[in-house]
Amino acid sequence: MDIEIRQATIEDVPEITALFRDTVREVNSKDYSDKQIQTWSAGANDTEKWEERVNRFYFLIAETNDTIVGFAYLKNGNYFDGLFVHKDYQRQGIASKLLRIIESKVMMDGFDEIKSDVSITALPFFEDHYYDVIKKQKKVLKGMTFENYIISKQL
């Protein structure tokens, strides 16, 4: 499969939000309750917030055959704020490719560490890529409590 990586544009937002919603509902549902999944996936409806992310952050998409199959974005120089791969394209190297580019950007921008908050579902992927758990935490989103992890990696 030929994967192209490019900067996201505002025109990509509908496909980005659909990918986000579907991935949370299908992939993350094994680690979170139905109520948590409903709350989390509803974040796809905030189009303004997604447009702001595309405009303000280093926001990449992975694409094959004109279909967005993944995205990743970085904020504040070294905070890896999001990494999602289409539910039908899991375990095909897309997340690893996006991760390498994000880490390279962090290093090029002069940082020696990258940080993130990651879901229970994503933790094994990041541990496989040499990220360390700083701490387990409980985060509240729209009144719903989620367990996740603060992680980091020295670059």
C-alpha atoms as a PDB file:
ATOM      1  CA  MET A   1       0.000   0.000   0.000  1.00  0.00           C
ATOM      2  CA  ASP A   2       1.359   3.388  -1.006  1.00  0.00           C
ATOM      3  CA  ILE A   3       0.860   5.936   1.787  1.00  0.00           C
ATOM      4  CA  GLU A   4       1.327   9.647   1.118  1.00  0.00           C
ATOM      5  CA  ILE A   5       1.818  12.032   4.037  1.00  0.00           C
ATOM      6  CA  ARG A   6       0.847  15.680   3.654  1.00  0.00           C
ATOM      7  CA  GLN A   7      -0.261  18.727   5.629  1.00  0.00           C
ATOM      8  CA  ALA A   8      -3.970  18.713   6.408  1.00  0.00           C
ATOM      9  CA  THR A   9      -6.228  21.405   4.949  1.00  0.00           C
ATOM     10  CA  ILE A  10      -9.617  22.743   5.992  1.00  0.00           C
ATOM     11  CA  GLU A  11     -11.152  20.719   3.141  1.00  0.00           C
ATOM     12  CA  ASP A  12      -9.977  17.545   4.943  1.00  0.00           C
ATOM     13  CA  VAL A  13     -11.929  18.270   8.139  1.00  0.00           C
ATOM     14  CA  PRO A  14     -15.102  16.280   7.256  1.00  0.00           C
ATOM     15  CA  GLU A  15     -13.026  13.177   6.479  1.00  0.00           C
ATOM     16  CA  ILE A  16     -10.792  13.732   9.544  1.00  0.00           C
ATOM     17  CA  THR A  17     -13.777  13.985  11.888  1.00  0.00           C
ATOM     18  CA  ALA A  18     -15.441  10.891  10.372  1.00  0.00           C
ATOM     19  CA  LEU A  19     -12.196   8.925  10.795  1.00  0.00           C
ATOM     20  CA  PHE A  20     -11.901  10.130  14.405  1.00  0.00           C
ATOM     21  CA  ARG A  21     -15.515   9.188  15.248  1.00  0.00           C
ATOM     22  CA  ASP A  22     -15.345   5.757  13.577  1.00  0.00           C
ATOM     23  CA  THR A  23     -11.958   4.877  15.078  1.00  0.00           C
ATOM     24  CA  VAL A  24     -12.998   5.789  18.617  1.00  0.00           C
ATOM     25  CA  ARG A  25     -16.243   3.822  18.227  1.00  0.00           C
ATOM     26  CA  GLU A  26     -14.634   0.726  16.680  1.00  0.00           C
ATOM     27  CA  VAL A  27     -11.072   0.544  18.012  1.00  0.00           C
ATOM     28  CA  ASN A  28     -11.231   2.210  21.429  1.00  0.00           C
ATOM     29  CA  SER A  29     -14.509   0.530  22.382  1.00  0.00           C
ATOM     30  CA  LYS A  30     -12.605  -2.516  23.664  1.00  0.00           C
ATOM     31  CA  ASP A  31     -11.040  -0.428  26.459  1.00  0.00           C
ATOM     32  CA  TYR A  32     -13.786   2.065  27.355  1.00  0.00           C
ATOM     33  CA  SER A  33     -17.481   1.853  28.255  1.00  0.00           C
ATOM     34  CA  ASP A  34     -20.291   2.654  25.806  1.00  0.00           C
ATOM     35  CA  LYS A  35     -20.980   5.924  27.636  1.00  0.00           C
ATOM     36  CA  GLN A  36     -17.306   6.922  27.485  1.00  0.00           C
ATOM     37  CA  ILE A  37     -17.169   6.072  23.765  1.00  0.00           C
ATOM     38  CA  GLN A  38     -20.300   8.147  23.066  1.00  0.00           C
ATOM     39  CA  THR A  39     -18.840  11.127  24.934  1.00  0.00           C
ATOM     40  CA  TRP A  40     -15.394  10.830  23.327  1.00  0.00           C
ATOM     41  CA  SER A  41     -16.608  10.265  19.761  1.00  0.00           C
ATOM     42  CA  ALA A  42     -18.993  13.238  20.027  1.00  0.00           C
ATOM     43  CA  GLY A  43     -15.856  15.403  19.862  1.00  0.00           C
ATOM     44  CA  ALA A  44     -16.031  14.837  16.094  1.00  0.00           C
ATOM     45  CA  ASN A  45     -19.061  17.149  15.993  1.00  0.00           C
ATOM     46  CA  ASP A  46     -17.039  20.227  17.042  1.00  0.00           C
ATOM     47  CA  THR A  47     -16.022  21.204  13.513  1.00  0.00           C
ATOM     48  CA  GLU A  48     -14.691  24.602  14.635  1.00  0.00           C
ATOM     49  CA  LYS A  49     -12.238  22.939  17.017  1.00  0.00           C
ATOM     50  CA  TRP A  50     -10.996  20.606  14.256  1.00  0.00           C
ATOM     51  CA  GLU A  51     -10.596  23.519  11.838  1.00  0.00           C
ATOM     52  CA  GLU A  52      -8.626  25.387  14.506  1.00  0.00           C
ATOM     53  CA  ARG A  53      -6.350  22.362  14.991  1.00  0.00           C
ATOM     54  CA  VAL A  54      -5.696  22.118  11.242  1.00  0.00           C
ATOM     55  CA  ASN A  55      -4.951  25.861  11.053  1.00  0.00           C
ATOM     56  CA  ARG A  56      -2.855  26.232  14.216  1.00  0.00           C
ATOM     57  CA  PHE A  57      -0.977  22.956  14.694  1.00  0.00           C
ATOM     58  CA  TYR A  58       1.454  20.835  12.743  1.00  0.00           C
ATOM     59  CA  PHE A  59      -1.292  18.564  11.424  1.00  0.00           C
ATOM     60  CA  LEU A  60      -0.500  15.697   9.049  1.00  0.00           C
ATOM     61  CA  ILE A  61      -2.703  13.252   7.234  1.00  0.00           C
ATOM     62  CA  ALA A  62      -1.852   9.862   5.747  1.00  0.00           C
ATOM     63  CA  GLU A  63      -3.612   9.140   2.502  1.00  0.00           C
ATOM     64  CA  THR A  64      -3.909   6.261   0.059  1.00  0.00           C
ATOM     65  CA  ASN A  65      -5.986   6.314  -3.128  1.00  0.00           C
ATOM     66  CA  ASP A  66      -7.497   9.695  -2.130  1.00  0.00           C
ATOM     67  CA  THR A  67      -8.719   8.250   1.175  1.00  0.00           C
ATOM     68  CA  ILE A  68      -7.499   9.625   4.497  1.00  0.00           C
ATOM     69  CA  VAL A  69      -6.326   6.603   6.475  1.00  0.00           C
ATOM     70  CA  GLY A  70      -4.720   8.372   9.420  1.00  0.00           C
ATOM     71  CA  PHE A  71      -3.765  11.679  10.970  1.00  0.00           C
ATOM     72  CA  ALA A  72      -1.461  13.081  13.617  1.00  0.00           C
ATOM     73  CA  TYR A  73      -0.946  16.528  15.091  1.00  0.00           C
ATOM     74  CA  LEU A  74       1.533  18.301  17.280  1.00  0.00           C
ATOM     75  CA  LYS A  75       0.978  21.389  19.409  1.00  0.00           C
ATOM     76  CA  ASN A  76       3.254  23.645  21.433  1.00  0.00           C
ATOM     77  CA  GLY A  77       6.377  22.301  19.736  1.00  0.00           C
ATOM     78  CA  ASN A  78       6.655  18.954  21.490  1.00  0.00           C
ATOM     79  CA  TYR A  79       3.188  17.906  22.671  1.00  0.00           C
ATOM     80  CA  PHE A  80       1.874  15.064  20.497  1.00  0.00           C
ATOM     81  CA  ASP A  81      -1.836  15.826  20.778  1.00  0.00           C
ATOM     82  CA  GLY A  82      -3.404  13.243  18.472  1.00  0.00           C
ATOM     83  CA  LEU A  83      -2.725  10.102  16.429  1.00  0.00           C
ATOM     84  CA  PHE A  84      -5.560   8.164  14.841  1.00  0.00           C
ATOM     85  CA  VAL A  85      -5.615   5.491  12.148  1.00  0.00           C
ATOM     86  CA  HIS A  86      -8.736   4.530  10.194  1.00  0.00           C
ATOM     87  CA  LYS A  87     -10.496   1.512  11.721  1.00  0.00           C
ATOM     88  CA  ASP A  88     -10.088  -0.442   8.456  1.00  0.00           C
ATOM     89  CA  TYR A  89      -6.342   0.311   8.119  1.00  0.00           C
ATOM     90  CA  GLN A  90      -5.036  -0.714  11.553  1.00  0.00           C
ATOM     91  CA  ARG A  91      -1.665  -2.491  11.906  1.00  0.00           C
ATOM     92  CA  GLN A  92      -0.331  -1.523   8.476  1.00  0.00           C
ATOM     93  CA  GLY A  93       2.480   0.813   9.552  1.00  0.00           C
ATOM     94  CA  ILE A  94       0.512   4.051   9.137  1.00  0.00           C
ATOM     95  CA  ALA A  95       0.772   5.136  12.790  1.00  0.00           C
ATOM     96  CA  SER A  96       4.500   4.325  12.850  1.00  0.00           C
ATOM     97  CA  LYS A  97       5.098   6.406   9.728  1.00  0.00           C
ATOM     98  CA  LEU A  98       3.191   9.387  11.162  1.00  0.00           C
ATOM     99  CA  LEU A  99       5.007   8.984  14.493  1.00  0.00           C
ATOM    100  CA  ARG A 100       8.455   9.096  12.831  1.00  0.00           C
ATOM    101  CA  ILE A 101       7.594  12.316  10.998  1.00  0.00           C
ATOM    102  CA  ILE A 102       6.170  13.944  14.137  1.00  0.00           C
ATOM    103  CA  GLU A 103       9.275  12.969  16.149  1.00  0.00           C
ATOM    104  CA  SER A 104      11.538  14.355  13.399  1.00  0.00           C
ATOM    105  CA  LYS A 105       9.639  17.665  13.468  1.00  0.00           C
ATOM    106  CA  VAL A 106      10.041  17.874  17.257  1.00  0.00           C
ATOM    107  CA  MET A 107      13.817  17.300  16.940  1.00  0.00           C
ATOM    108  CA  MET A 108      14.163  19.777  14.042  1.00  0.00           C
ATOM    109  CA  ASP A 109      12.405  22.367  16.190  1.00  0.00           C
ATOM    110  CA  GLY A 110      15.064  21.922  18.902  1.00  0.00           C
ATOM    111  CA  PHE A 111      13.262  19.832  21.499  1.00  0.00           C
ATOM    112  CA  ASP A 112      14.880  16.775  23.062  1.00  0.00           C
ATOM    113  CA  GLU A 113      11.684  15.292  24.480  1.00  0.00           C
ATOM    114  CA  ILE A 114       8.184  14.581  23.178  1.00  0.00           C
ATOM    115  CA  LYS A 115       5.153  14.191  25.456  1.00  0.00           C
ATOM    116  CA  SER A 116       1.587  12.997  25.070  1.00  0.00           C
ATOM    117  CA  ASP A 117      -1.524  11.813  26.863  1.00  0.00           C
ATOM    118  CA  VAL A 118      -2.588   8.470  25.391  1.00  0.00           C
ATOM    119  CA  SER A 119      -5.538   6.139  25.751  1.00  0.00           C
ATOM    120  CA  ILE A 120      -5.432   2.660  27.240  1.00  0.00           C
ATOM    121  CA  THR A 121      -5.817   1.414  23.655  1.00  0.00           C
ATOM    122  CA  ALA A 122      -2.827   3.379  22.322  1.00  0.00           C
ATOM    123  CA  LEU A 123      -0.426   2.706  25.197  1.00  0.00           C
ATOM    124  CA  PRO A 124       1.034  -0.587  23.852  1.00  0.00           C
ATOM    125  CA  PHE A 125       1.818   1.097  20.501  1.00  0.00           C
ATOM    126  CA  PHE A 126       3.732   3.902  22.214  1.00  0.00           C
ATOM    127  CA  GLU A 127       5.521   1.524  24.584  1.00  0.00           C
ATOM    128  CA  ASP A 128       6.638  -0.468  21.521  1.00  0.00           C
ATOM    129  CA  HIS A 129       8.139   2.817  20.223  1.00  0.00           C
ATOM    130  CA  TYR A 130      10.149   3.415  23.434  1.00  0.00           C
ATOM    131  CA  TYR A 131       7.846   5.859  25.205  1.00  0.00           C
ATOM    132  CA  ASP A 132       7.870   5.785  28.999  1.00  0.00           C
ATOM    133  CA  VAL A 133       4.797   6.133  31.188  1.00  0.00           C
ATOM    134  CA  ILE A 134       5.183   9.135  33.461  1.00  0.00           C
ATOM    135  CA  LYS A 135       1.898   8.475  35.211  1.00  0.00           C
ATOM    136  CA  LYS A 136      -1.539   6.955  34.942  1.00  0.00           C
ATOM    137  CA  GLN A 137      -4.245   9.563  35.305  1.00  0.00           C
ATOM    138  CA  LYS A 138      -7.969  10.154  35.302  1.00  0.00           C
ATOM    139  CA  LYS A 139      -9.160  12.853  32.922  1.00  0.00           C
ATOM    140  CA  VAL A 140     -12.649  14.347  32.834  1.00  0.00           C
ATOM    141  CA  LEU A 141     -14.312  15.094  29.495  1.00  0.00           C
ATOM    142  CA  LYS A 142     -17.854  16.491  29.518  1.00  0.00           C
ATOM    143  CA  GLY A 143     -18.477  15.043  32.972  1.00  0.00           C
ATOM    144  CA  MET A 144     -17.175  11.585  32.024  1.00  0.00           C
ATOM    145  CA  THR A 145     -13.978  10.238  33.652  1.00  0.00           C
ATOM    146  CA  PHE A 146     -11.417   8.518  31.421  1.00  0.00           C
ATOM    147  CA  GLU A 147      -8.297   6.646  32.434  1.00  0.00           C
ATOM    148  CA  ASN A 148      -5.258   7.406  30.317  1.00  0.00           C
ATOM    149  CA  TYR A 149      -1.485   7.836  30.525  1.00  0.00           C
ATOM    150  CA  ILE A 150       0.974  10.697  30.377  1.00  0.00           C
ATOM    151  CA  ILE A 151       3.963   9.460  28.370  1.00  0.00           C
ATOM    152  CA  SER A 152       7.257  10.854  27.118  1.00  0.00           C
ATOM    153  CA  LYS A 153      10.286   9.919  25.081  1.00  0.00           C
ATOM    154  CA  GLN A 154      13.777  11.371  24.986  1.00  0.00           C
ATOM    155  CA  LEU A 155      14.759  12.103  21.375  1.00  0.00           C
END
